[in-house]
Structures are given as C-alpha cells and as structure tokens.
C-alpha atoms as a PDB file:
ATOM      1  CA  UNK A   1     -77.177   9.232 -58.829  1.00  0.00           C
ATOM      2  CA  UNK A   2     -79.028   7.017 -56.440  1.00  0.00           C
ATOM      3  CA  UNK A   3     -75.958   4.711 -55.980  1.00  0.00           C
ATOM      4  CA  UNK A   4     -74.050   8.078 -54.859  1.00  0.00           C
ATOM      5  CA  UNK A   5     -76.927   8.828 -52.499  1.00  0.00           C
ATOM      6  CA  UNK A   6     -76.824   5.604 -51.057  1.00  0.00           C
ATOM      7  CA  UNK A   7     -73.067   5.763 -50.694  1.00  0.00           C
ATOM      8  CA  UNK A   8     -73.505   9.359 -48.870  1.00  0.00           C
ATOM      9  CA  UNK A   9     -76.206   8.291 -46.496  1.00  0.00           C
ATOM     10  CA  UNK A  10     -74.025   5.269 -45.478  1.00  0.00           C
ATOM     11  CA  UNK A  11     -71.526   7.778 -44.185  1.00  0.00           C
ATOM     12  CA  UNK A  12     -74.231   9.240 -41.385  1.00  0.00           C
ATOM     13  CA  UNK A  13     -73.090   6.147 -39.284  1.00  0.00           C
ATOM     14  CA  UNK A  14     -70.210   4.528 -40.579  1.00  0.00           C
ATOM     15  CA  UNK A  15     -66.687   5.440 -41.908  1.00  0.00           C
ATOM     16  CA  UNK A  16     -66.415   4.078 -45.682  1.00  0.00           C
ATOM     17  CA  UNK A  17     -63.905   3.964 -48.191  1.00  0.00           C
ATOM     18  CA  UNK A  18     -64.811   4.307 -51.886  1.00  0.00           C
ATOM     19  CA  UNK A  19     -62.599   3.740 -54.860  1.00  0.00           C
ATOM     20  CA  UNK A  20     -63.931   4.255 -58.097  1.00  0.00           C
ATOM     21  CA  UNK A  21     -63.239   5.484 -61.701  1.00  0.00           C
ATOM     22  CA  UNK A  22     -66.843   6.845 -62.145  1.00  0.00           C
ATOM     23  CA  UNK A  23     -66.799  10.756 -62.362  1.00  0.00           C
ATOM     24  CA  UNK A  24     -70.728  10.554 -61.981  1.00  0.00           C
ATOM     25  CA  UNK A  25     -70.125   8.986 -58.392  1.00  0.00           C
ATOM     26  CA  UNK A  26     -67.144  11.528 -57.176  1.00  0.00           C
ATOM     27  CA  UNK A  27     -69.190  14.270 -58.518  1.00  0.00           C
ATOM     28  CA  UNK A  28     -72.302  13.494 -57.108  1.00  0.00           C
ATOM     29  CA  UNK A  29     -70.604  12.862 -53.514  1.00  0.00           C
ATOM     30  CA  UNK A  30     -68.812  16.080 -54.149  1.00  0.00           C
ATOM     31  CA  UNK A  31     -72.015  18.097 -54.402  1.00  0.00           C
ATOM     32  CA  UNK A  32     -74.001  16.332 -51.790  1.00  0.00           C
ATOM     33  CA  UNK A  33     -71.148  17.254 -49.388  1.00  0.00           C
ATOM     34  CA  UNK A  34     -71.201  20.612 -50.371  1.00  0.00           C
ATOM     35  CA  UNK A  35     -74.763  21.270 -50.289  1.00  0.00           C
ATOM     36  CA  UNK A  36     -75.811  19.084 -47.683  1.00  0.00           C
ATOM     37  CA  UNK A  37     -79.306  18.415 -48.642  1.00  0.00           C
ATOM     38  CA  UNK A  38     -82.051  17.964 -46.142  1.00  0.00           C
ATOM     39  CA  UNK A  39     -84.875  15.500 -46.442  1.00  0.00           C
ATOM     40  CA  UNK A  40     -87.527  17.348 -48.323  1.00  0.00           C
ATOM     41  CA  UNK A  41     -84.903  18.446 -50.854  1.00  0.00           C
ATOM     42  CA  UNK A  42     -83.815  14.833 -51.324  1.00  0.00           C
ATOM     43  CA  UNK A  43     -87.472  13.910 -51.950  1.00  0.00           C
ATOM     44  CA  UNK A  44     -87.785  16.759 -54.556  1.00  0.00           C
ATOM     45  CA  UNK A  45     -84.848  14.785 -56.661  1.00  0.00           C
ATOM     46  CA  UNK A  46     -86.896  11.841 -56.146  1.00  0.00           C
ATOM     47  CA  UNK A  47     -90.021  13.275 -57.631  1.00  0.00           C
ATOM     48  CA  UNK A  48     -88.286  14.564 -60.565  1.00  0.00           C
ATOM     49  CA  UNK A  49     -86.819  10.960 -61.348  1.00  0.00           C
ATOM     50  CA  UNK A  50     -90.055   9.361 -60.656  1.00  0.00           C
ATOM     51  CA  UNK A  51     -89.004   7.416 -57.543  1.00  0.00           C
ATOM     52  CA  UNK A  52     -91.540   6.498 -54.870  1.00  0.00           C
ATOM     53  CA  UNK A  53     -90.845   5.364 -51.241  1.00  0.00           C
ATOM     54  CA  UNK A  54     -87.689   6.903 -50.719  1.00  0.00           C
ATOM     55  CA  UNK A  55     -88.241   8.471 -47.177  1.00  0.00           C
ATOM     56  CA  UNK A  56     -85.869   6.532 -45.154  1.00  0.00           C
ATOM     57  CA  UNK A  57     -83.304   6.995 -47.664  1.00  0.00           C
ATOM     58  CA  UNK A  58     -83.856  10.963 -47.754  1.00  0.00           C
ATOM     59  CA  UNK A  59     -83.747  11.116 -43.858  1.00  0.00           C
ATOM     60  CA  UNK A  60     -80.139   9.196 -43.724  1.00  0.00           C
ATOM     61  CA  UNK A  61     -78.925  11.294 -46.695  1.00  0.00           C
ATOM     62  CA  UNK A  62     -80.008  14.423 -44.376  1.00  0.00           C
ATOM     63  CA  UNK A  63     -78.241  12.896 -41.529  1.00  0.00           C
ATOM     64  CA  UNK A  64     -75.048  12.219 -43.436  1.00  0.00           C
ATOM     65  CA  UNK A  65     -74.723  15.919 -43.983  1.00  0.00           C
ATOM     66  CA  UNK A  66     -73.094  16.142 -40.641  1.00  0.00           C
ATOM     67  CA  UNK A  67     -70.112  13.737 -41.660  1.00  0.00           C
ATOM     68  CA  UNK A  68     -67.020  14.867 -43.228  1.00  0.00           C
ATOM     69  CA  UNK A  69     -66.396  13.635 -46.562  1.00  0.00           C
ATOM     70  CA  UNK A  70     -62.617  13.537 -48.118  1.00  0.00           C
ATOM     71  CA  UNK A  71     -61.487  12.928 -51.534  1.00  0.00           C
ATOM     72  CA  UNK A  72     -58.514  11.613 -52.758  1.00  0.00           C
ATOM     73  CA  UNK A  73     -56.899  11.190 -56.171  1.00  0.00           C
ATOM     74  CA  UNK A  74     -54.419   8.336 -56.446  1.00  0.00           C
ATOM     75  CA  UNK A  75     -52.048   8.586 -59.134  1.00  0.00           C
ATOM     76  CA  UNK A  76     -48.378   6.992 -59.620  1.00  0.00           C
ATOM     77  CA  UNK A  77     -48.927   5.338 -56.145  1.00  0.00           C
ATOM     78  CA  UNK A  78     -49.481   8.987 -54.146  1.00  0.00           C
ATOM     79  CA  UNK A  79     -52.726   9.811 -52.795  1.00  0.00           C
ATOM     80  CA  UNK A  80     -53.457  13.684 -53.221  1.00  0.00           C
ATOM     81  CA  UNK A  81     -56.174  14.962 -50.866  1.00  0.00           C
ATOM     82  CA  UNK A  82     -58.551  16.946 -53.274  1.00  0.00           C
ATOM     83  CA  UNK A  83     -60.805  19.705 -51.726  1.00  0.00           C
ATOM     84  CA  UNK A  84     -64.788  19.179 -52.369  1.00  0.00           C
ATOM     85  CA  UNK A  85     -64.688  22.279 -54.707  1.00  0.00           C
ATOM     86  CA  UNK A  86     -61.874  21.087 -56.847  1.00  0.00           C
ATOM     87  CA  UNK A  87     -63.899  17.729 -57.433  1.00  0.00           C
ATOM     88  CA  UNK A  88     -67.062  19.809 -58.160  1.00  0.00           C
ATOM     89  CA  UNK A  89     -65.456  21.434 -60.860  1.00  0.00           C
ATOM     90  CA  UNK A  90     -64.386  18.508 -62.585  1.00  0.00           C
ATOM     91  CA  UNK A  91     -67.957  17.813 -64.287  1.00  0.00           C
ATOM     92  CA  UNK A  92     -68.475  14.965 -66.618  1.00  0.00           C
ATOM     93  CA  UNK A  93     -70.604  14.678 -69.596  1.00  0.00           C
ATOM     94  CA  UNK A  94     -74.385  15.056 -69.102  1.00  0.00           C
ATOM     95  CA  UNK A  95     -77.007  12.712 -69.982  1.00  0.00           C
ATOM     96  CA  UNK A  96     -80.817  12.951 -69.208  1.00  0.00           C
ATOM     97  CA  UNK A  97     -80.114  11.771 -65.564  1.00  0.00           C
ATOM     98  CA  UNK A  98     -77.141  14.131 -65.222  1.00  0.00           C
ATOM     99  CA  UNK A  99     -79.305  16.902 -66.325  1.00  0.00           C
ATOM    100  CA  UNK A 100     -81.647  16.240 -63.932  1.00  0.00           C
ATOM    101  CA  UNK A 101     -79.245  16.047 -61.298  1.00  0.00           C
ATOM    102  CA  UNK A 102     -77.596  19.499 -62.351  1.00  0.00           C
ATOM    103  CA  UNK A 103     -80.924  20.884 -62.214  1.00  0.00           C
ATOM    104  CA  UNK A 104     -81.521  19.750 -58.822  1.00  0.00           C
ATOM    105  CA  UNK A 105     -77.929  20.936 -57.415  1.00  0.00           C
ATOM    106  CA  UNK A 106     -78.947  24.227 -59.195  1.00  0.00           C
ATOM    107  CA  UNK A 107     -82.534  24.071 -57.328  1.00  0.00           C
ATOM    108  CA  UNK A 108     -80.443  23.770 -53.994  1.00  0.00           C
ATOM    109  CA  UNK A 109     -77.820  26.391 -54.727  1.00  0.00           C
ATOM    110  CA  UNK A 110     -80.575  28.729 -55.380  1.00  0.00           C
ATOM    111  CA  UNK A 111     -82.191  27.992 -51.761  1.00  0.00           C
ATOM    112  CA  UNK A 112     -78.765  28.508 -50.016  1.00  0.00           C
ATOM    113  CA  UNK A 113     -78.693  32.004 -51.234  1.00  0.00           C
END
C-alpha cells in the first residue's frame, strides 16, 4: 500500500513506467487514480495504518491527482490499454492491510457522494 502511494506521488512531477505482477500495486494505483484523494484523506489512511510523519507524502499524493495514470496489460507480446474501471474490478485476495485499504477506499467513495 505505502509503495503504491509513493509511486502514485512520484507521478505528480515525473513520467514513470511501472511493470509489476502485483495485483495489489495495480489495484491500489487504479483506486488512487479514480478517487484522487486529498492530503487529509491520505492522512486518514496513515492514521488507520499507524503511520506517523506522512505529511509530505500526503501532499505529493494530492498533487498527483492531477496526473493521468494509464494501465496496460501485456500478453503474448502485445500491450493492451486497460481503463481504470477495468483494473478496479479485478480485486485481489484480502489480508489485514487490504481490508484497511478497502475500508479507506469505501470511506473515500462515500465522501464523493
């Protein structure tokens, strides 16, 4: 989760390319791109996770909300662009951290109306 937040934050001022087999990273990045959390909302997640001193990262995540995030699925040598909605639907198995992340995303969606 925190790695995904860091990668997302980097997109605020950099063009980055990430390749991963991790559904958790792609799932988290897709939700961040969809919900575009502000600093206070990110700090709420840090509170839930027991993370202290994340103000700078929270600010960068907020800035990244102006970035365009694209997803590609590569198979058989072909890169196919996937929408954020497609990636969001492919939810991986849950664990304690994923449960907290899902709870936080639900909280964000509820704030969005």
